C-alpha atoms as a PDB file:
ATOM      1  CA  MET A   1     -28.527  -3.141 -12.922  1.00  0.00           C
ATOM      2  CA  TYR A   2     -27.250  -1.824  -9.985  1.00  0.00           C
ATOM      3  CA  THR A   3     -26.692  -3.285  -5.838  1.00  0.00           C
ATOM      4  CA  GLU A   4     -25.885  -0.692  -4.154  1.00  0.00           C
ATOM      5  CA  TYR A   5     -24.836  -0.698  -0.063  1.00  0.00           C
ATOM      6  CA  ARG A   6     -24.768   2.514   1.746  1.00  0.00           C
ATOM      7  CA  GLY A   7     -23.337   2.323   5.239  1.00  0.00           C
ATOM      8  CA  GLU A   8     -21.874   4.537   7.362  1.00  0.00           C
ATOM      9  CA  THR A   9     -19.029   5.741   5.225  1.00  0.00           C
ATOM     10  CA  GLY A  10     -21.545   6.344   2.200  1.00  0.00           C
ATOM     11  CA  GLU A  11     -20.224   3.458   0.531  1.00  0.00           C
ATOM     12  CA  ARG A  12     -21.738   2.005  -2.740  1.00  0.00           C
ATOM     13  CA  ALA A  13     -20.583  -1.537  -4.264  1.00  0.00           C
ATOM     14  CA  PHE A  14     -21.202  -2.348  -7.723  1.00  0.00           C
ATOM     15  CA  ILE A  15     -21.046  -6.396  -8.000  1.00  0.00           C
ATOM     16  CA  ILE A  16     -21.333  -7.729 -11.172  1.00  0.00           C
ATOM     17  CA  ASP A  17     -23.706 -10.680 -11.751  1.00  0.00           C
ATOM     18  CA  PRO A  18     -22.616 -14.295 -11.414  1.00  0.00           C
ATOM     19  CA  GLY A  19     -24.951 -15.672 -13.244  1.00  0.00           C
ATOM     20  CA  LYS A  20     -24.633 -13.993 -16.438  1.00  0.00           C
ATOM     21  CA  PRO A  21     -21.724 -15.518 -18.888  1.00  0.00           C
ATOM     22  CA  VAL A  22     -18.845 -12.893 -20.050  1.00  0.00           C
ATOM     23  CA  GLU A  23     -17.645 -12.290 -23.577  1.00  0.00           C
ATOM     24  CA  ILE A  24     -13.925 -13.139 -23.466  1.00  0.00           C
ATOM     25  CA  ALA A  25     -13.746 -13.829 -27.290  1.00  0.00           C
ATOM     26  CA  GLY A  26     -10.764 -11.705 -28.672  1.00  0.00           C
ATOM     27  CA  TYR A  27      -8.450 -12.602 -25.949  1.00  0.00           C
ATOM     28  CA  ASP A  28      -5.566 -15.166 -25.465  1.00  0.00           C
ATOM     29  CA  HIS A  29      -5.305 -14.998 -21.712  1.00  0.00           C
ATOM     30  CA  MET A  30      -7.078 -14.426 -18.698  1.00  0.00           C
ATOM     31  CA  LEU A  31      -6.369 -13.807 -15.193  1.00  0.00           C
ATOM     32  CA  ARG A  32      -8.768 -14.431 -12.144  1.00  0.00           C
ATOM     33  CA  GLN A  33      -8.882 -12.757  -9.123  1.00  0.00           C
ATOM     34  CA  GLN A  34      -6.862  -9.499  -8.482  1.00  0.00           C
ATOM     35  CA  SER A  35      -6.937  -6.907  -5.963  1.00  0.00           C
ATOM     36  CA  LEU A  36      -7.546  -3.041  -6.193  1.00  0.00           C
ATOM     37  CA  VAL A  37      -7.105  -2.526  -2.604  1.00  0.00           C
ATOM     38  CA  LYS A  38      -4.524   0.042  -1.057  1.00  0.00           C
ATOM     39  CA  SER A  39      -1.571  -0.622   0.708  1.00  0.00           C
ATOM     40  CA  PRO A  40      -0.208  -0.052   4.094  1.00  0.00           C
ATOM     41  CA  ASP A  41       2.821   2.055   3.162  1.00  0.00           C
ATOM     42  CA  ASN A  42       0.687   3.241   0.210  1.00  0.00           C
ATOM     43  CA  ASN A  43       3.021   2.282  -2.304  1.00  0.00           C
ATOM     44  CA  GLU A  44       2.003   1.656  -5.886  1.00  0.00           C
ATOM     45  CA  HIS A  45       1.557  -2.485  -6.248  1.00  0.00           C
ATOM     46  CA  GLY A  46       0.522  -4.675  -8.596  1.00  0.00           C
ATOM     47  CA  PHE A  47       1.151  -8.152 -10.511  1.00  0.00           C
ATOM     48  CA  ASP A  48       3.539  -9.486 -12.669  1.00  0.00           C
ATOM     49  CA  ALA A  49       2.471 -12.277 -14.941  1.00  0.00           C
ATOM     50  CA  GLU A  50       3.570 -14.001 -17.793  1.00  0.00           C
ATOM     51  CA  GLY A  51       3.221 -12.232 -20.696  1.00  0.00           C
ATOM     52  CA  ILE A  52       1.736  -8.680 -18.740  1.00  0.00           C
ATOM     53  CA  SER A  53       2.541  -6.852 -15.249  1.00  0.00           C
ATOM     54  CA  CYS A  54       0.133  -4.368 -13.691  1.00  0.00           C
ATOM     55  CA  GLN A  55       0.733  -1.250 -11.459  1.00  0.00           C
ATOM     56  CA  VAL A  56      -2.411  -0.315  -9.122  1.00  0.00           C
ATOM     57  CA  GLY A  57      -1.882   3.450  -8.818  1.00  0.00           C
ATOM     58  CA  GLU A  58      -1.681   5.420  -5.374  1.00  0.00           C
ATOM     59  CA  ASN A  59      -5.421   6.375  -5.293  1.00  0.00           C
ATOM     60  CA  LEU A  60      -6.379   3.370  -6.720  1.00  0.00           C
ATOM     61  CA  ASN A  61      -7.079   5.391 -10.072  1.00  0.00           C
ATOM     62  CA  THR A  62      -4.764   3.803 -12.533  1.00  0.00           C
ATOM     63  CA  LEU A  63      -3.993   0.710 -13.959  1.00  0.00           C
ATOM     64  CA  THR A  64      -0.843   0.402 -14.689  1.00  0.00           C
ATOM     65  CA  VAL A  65      -0.625  -2.247 -17.720  1.00  0.00           C
ATOM     66  CA  ARG A  66       2.297  -3.755 -19.711  1.00  0.00           C
ATOM     67  CA  ILE A  67       2.029  -6.050 -22.415  1.00  0.00           C
ATOM     68  CA  GLY A  68       4.900  -8.153 -24.052  1.00  0.00           C
ATOM     69  CA  ASP A  69       7.992  -9.677 -23.519  1.00  0.00           C
ATOM     70  CA  ALA A  70      11.635  -9.261 -23.947  1.00  0.00           C
ATOM     71  CA  ARG A  71      11.675 -10.236 -27.256  1.00  0.00           C
ATOM     72  CA  SER A  72       8.683  -8.279 -29.187  1.00  0.00           C
ATOM     73  CA  GLY A  73       8.972  -5.275 -26.998  1.00  0.00           C
ATOM     74  CA  PHE A  74       6.282  -3.902 -24.438  1.00  0.00           C
ATOM     75  CA  GLU A  75       3.388  -2.292 -24.874  1.00  0.00           C
ATOM     76  CA  THR A  76       1.808   0.345 -21.921  1.00  0.00           C
ATOM     77  CA  MET A  77      -1.558   1.176 -21.758  1.00  0.00           C
ATOM     78  CA  GLU A  78      -2.992   3.477 -18.640  1.00  0.00           C
ATOM     79  CA  ILE A  79      -6.847   2.402 -17.843  1.00  0.00           C
ATOM     80  CA  ASP A  80      -8.613   5.268 -15.904  1.00  0.00           C
ATOM     81  CA  VAL A  81     -10.334   3.326 -13.233  1.00  0.00           C
ATOM     82  CA  GLY A  82     -11.511   6.828 -11.430  1.00  0.00           C
ATOM     83  CA  ALA A  83     -13.346   7.948 -14.321  1.00  0.00           C
ATOM     84  CA  PHE A  84     -15.235   4.778 -14.634  1.00  0.00           C
ATOM     85  CA  ALA A  85     -16.369   4.846 -11.086  1.00  0.00           C
ATOM     86  CA  GLU A  86     -17.549   8.251 -11.303  1.00  0.00           C
ATOM     87  CA  GLU A  87     -19.640   7.033 -14.592  1.00  0.00           C
ATOM     88  CA  LEU A  88     -20.895   4.258 -12.059  1.00  0.00           C
ATOM     89  CA  LEU A  89     -22.163   6.324  -9.563  1.00  0.00           C
ATOM     90  CA  GLN A  90     -23.567   9.199 -12.150  1.00  0.00           C
ATOM     91  CA  GLU A  91     -25.975   6.293 -14.106  1.00  0.00           C
ATOM     92  CA  SER A  92     -26.730   4.737 -10.322  1.00  0.00           C
ATOM     93  CA  GLU A  93     -27.963   7.633  -9.406  1.00  0.00           C
ATOM     94  CA  SER A  94     -30.210   8.705 -12.283  1.00  0.00           C
ATOM     95  CA  PRO A  95     -34.054   7.465 -10.854  1.00  0.00           C
ATOM     96  CA  ASP A  96     -34.361   5.129 -14.360  1.00  0.00           C
ATOM     97  CA  VAL A  97     -32.014   2.709 -12.644  1.00  0.00           C
ATOM     98  CA  ARG A  98     -32.964  -0.596 -10.927  1.00  0.00           C
ATOM     99  CA  VAL A  99     -31.838  -2.198  -7.693  1.00  0.00           C
ATOM    100  CA  GLY A 100     -30.261  -5.659  -8.784  1.00  0.00           C
ATOM    101  CA  LYS A 101     -26.940  -7.533 -10.472  1.00  0.00           C
ATOM    102  CA  MET A 102     -24.570  -5.574 -12.865  1.00  0.00           C
ATOM    103  CA  ALA A 103     -24.062  -6.585 -16.502  1.00  0.00           C
ATOM    104  CA  PRO A 104     -20.722  -8.339 -17.483  1.00  0.00           C
ATOM    105  CA  GLU A 105     -20.636  -5.062 -20.012  1.00  0.00           C
ATOM    106  CA  SER A 106     -21.552  -2.485 -17.651  1.00  0.00           C
ATOM    107  CA  MET A 107     -18.719  -3.512 -15.534  1.00  0.00           C
ATOM    108  CA  ALA A 108     -15.551  -3.864 -17.845  1.00  0.00           C
ATOM    109  CA  ILE A 109     -12.889  -1.131 -19.192  1.00  0.00           C
ATOM    110  CA  VAL A 110     -11.321  -2.180 -23.034  1.00  0.00           C
ATOM    111  CA  ALA A 111      -8.581  -0.565 -24.227  1.00  0.00           C
ATOM    112  CA  GLU A 112      -6.368  -1.532 -26.970  1.00  0.00           C
ATOM    113  CA  GLN A 113      -3.206  -0.112 -28.483  1.00  0.00           C
ATOM    114  CA  ASN A 114      -1.071  -1.400 -31.289  1.00  0.00           C
ATOM    115  CA  GLY A 115      -2.407  -4.665 -32.031  1.00  0.00           C
ATOM    116  CA  HIS A 116      -2.423  -5.719 -28.029  1.00  0.00           C
ATOM    117  CA  LYS A 117      -6.058  -5.572 -26.114  1.00  0.00           C
ATOM    118  CA  VAL A 118      -6.708  -5.373 -22.867  1.00  0.00           C
ATOM    119  CA  MET A 119     -10.400  -6.066 -20.969  1.00  0.00           C
ATOM    120  CA  VAL A 120     -10.728  -5.163 -16.976  1.00  0.00           C
ATOM    121  CA  LEU A 121     -13.512  -6.684 -15.552  1.00  0.00           C
ATOM    122  CA  PHE A 122     -14.655  -5.940 -12.749  1.00  0.00           C
ATOM    123  CA  GLN A 123     -16.185  -8.665 -10.235  1.00  0.00           C
ATOM    124  CA  ARG A 124     -17.105  -5.701  -7.285  1.00  0.00           C
ATOM    125  CA  LEU A 125     -15.672  -2.379  -7.003  1.00  0.00           C
ATOM    126  CA  LEU A 126     -16.172  -0.001  -3.956  1.00  0.00           C
ATOM    127  CA  LEU A 127     -16.780   3.503  -3.882  1.00  0.00           C
ATOM    128  CA  ILE A 128     -17.150   6.332  -2.038  1.00  0.00           C
ATOM    129  CA  ARG A 129     -18.370   9.607  -2.344  1.00  0.00           C
ATOM    130  CA  ARG A 130     -17.639  12.591  -0.080  1.00  0.00           C
ATOM    131  CA  ASP A 131     -18.005  16.168  -0.264  1.00  0.00           C
ATOM    132  CA  GLY A 132     -18.137  15.831  -4.600  1.00  0.00           C
ATOM    133  CA  LYS A 133     -15.247  13.665  -4.471  1.00  0.00           C
ATOM    134  CA  ILE A 134     -14.575   9.936  -5.216  1.00  0.00           C
ATOM    135  CA  THR A 135     -12.342   7.168  -3.271  1.00  0.00           C
ATOM    136  CA  ILE A 136     -12.010   3.947  -4.370  1.00  0.00           C
ATOM    137  CA  SER A 137     -11.643   2.136  -1.294  1.00  0.00           C
ATOM    138  CA  SER A 138     -11.765  -1.256  -2.991  1.00  0.00           C
ATOM    139  CA  GLY A 139     -12.502  -4.015  -6.397  1.00  0.00           C
ATOM    140  CA  ILE A 140     -11.639  -7.316  -7.140  1.00  0.00           C
ATOM    141  CA  PHE A 141     -10.943  -7.843 -10.708  1.00  0.00           C
ATOM    142  CA  ASP A 142      -9.915 -10.307 -13.739  1.00  0.00           C
ATOM    143  CA  ILE A 143      -8.264  -9.179 -16.847  1.00  0.00           C
ATOM    144  CA  ALA A 144      -8.145 -10.151 -20.199  1.00  0.00           C
ATOM    145  CA  PHE A 145      -5.419  -9.735 -22.610  1.00  0.00           C
ATOM    146  CA  THR A 146      -4.271 -10.325 -25.868  1.00  0.00           C
ATOM    147  CA  SER A 147      -0.374 -10.528 -26.088  1.00  0.00           C
ATOM    148  CA  GLY A 148       0.492 -10.409 -30.011  1.00  0.00           C
ATOM    149  CA  LYS A 149      -0.705  -7.730 -33.145  1.00  0.00           C
END
């Protein structure tokens, strides 16, 4: 259920299976192909779209998502990408895991708060483990959300 690539850096790539459908019931909108990359000046970066904004943390370990608008107010959710990456690596090291593309549900992080819902669906997540520490090197994700109660 995982695709792994190991180069000289020990990098592993977790890639979604593009042939499997993604369940998006319960979400109003989806933004496609967002980037999880380090900025050259190590500042936070992200995107700002209608009804949602997202800031990527400096080490790519967190996504801070704000949903809503000035009229109805904003809800802020912290998505822990670092913990998710750790789970992926632990599961991939299991002897029961087969190599292959990942099912969409295993590449998704879902958060819900006060009637607002977010699903971060990674298309690709590149990780490096060095000296027992995980570093997220990059990723591509879609983000589905509902902006109302």
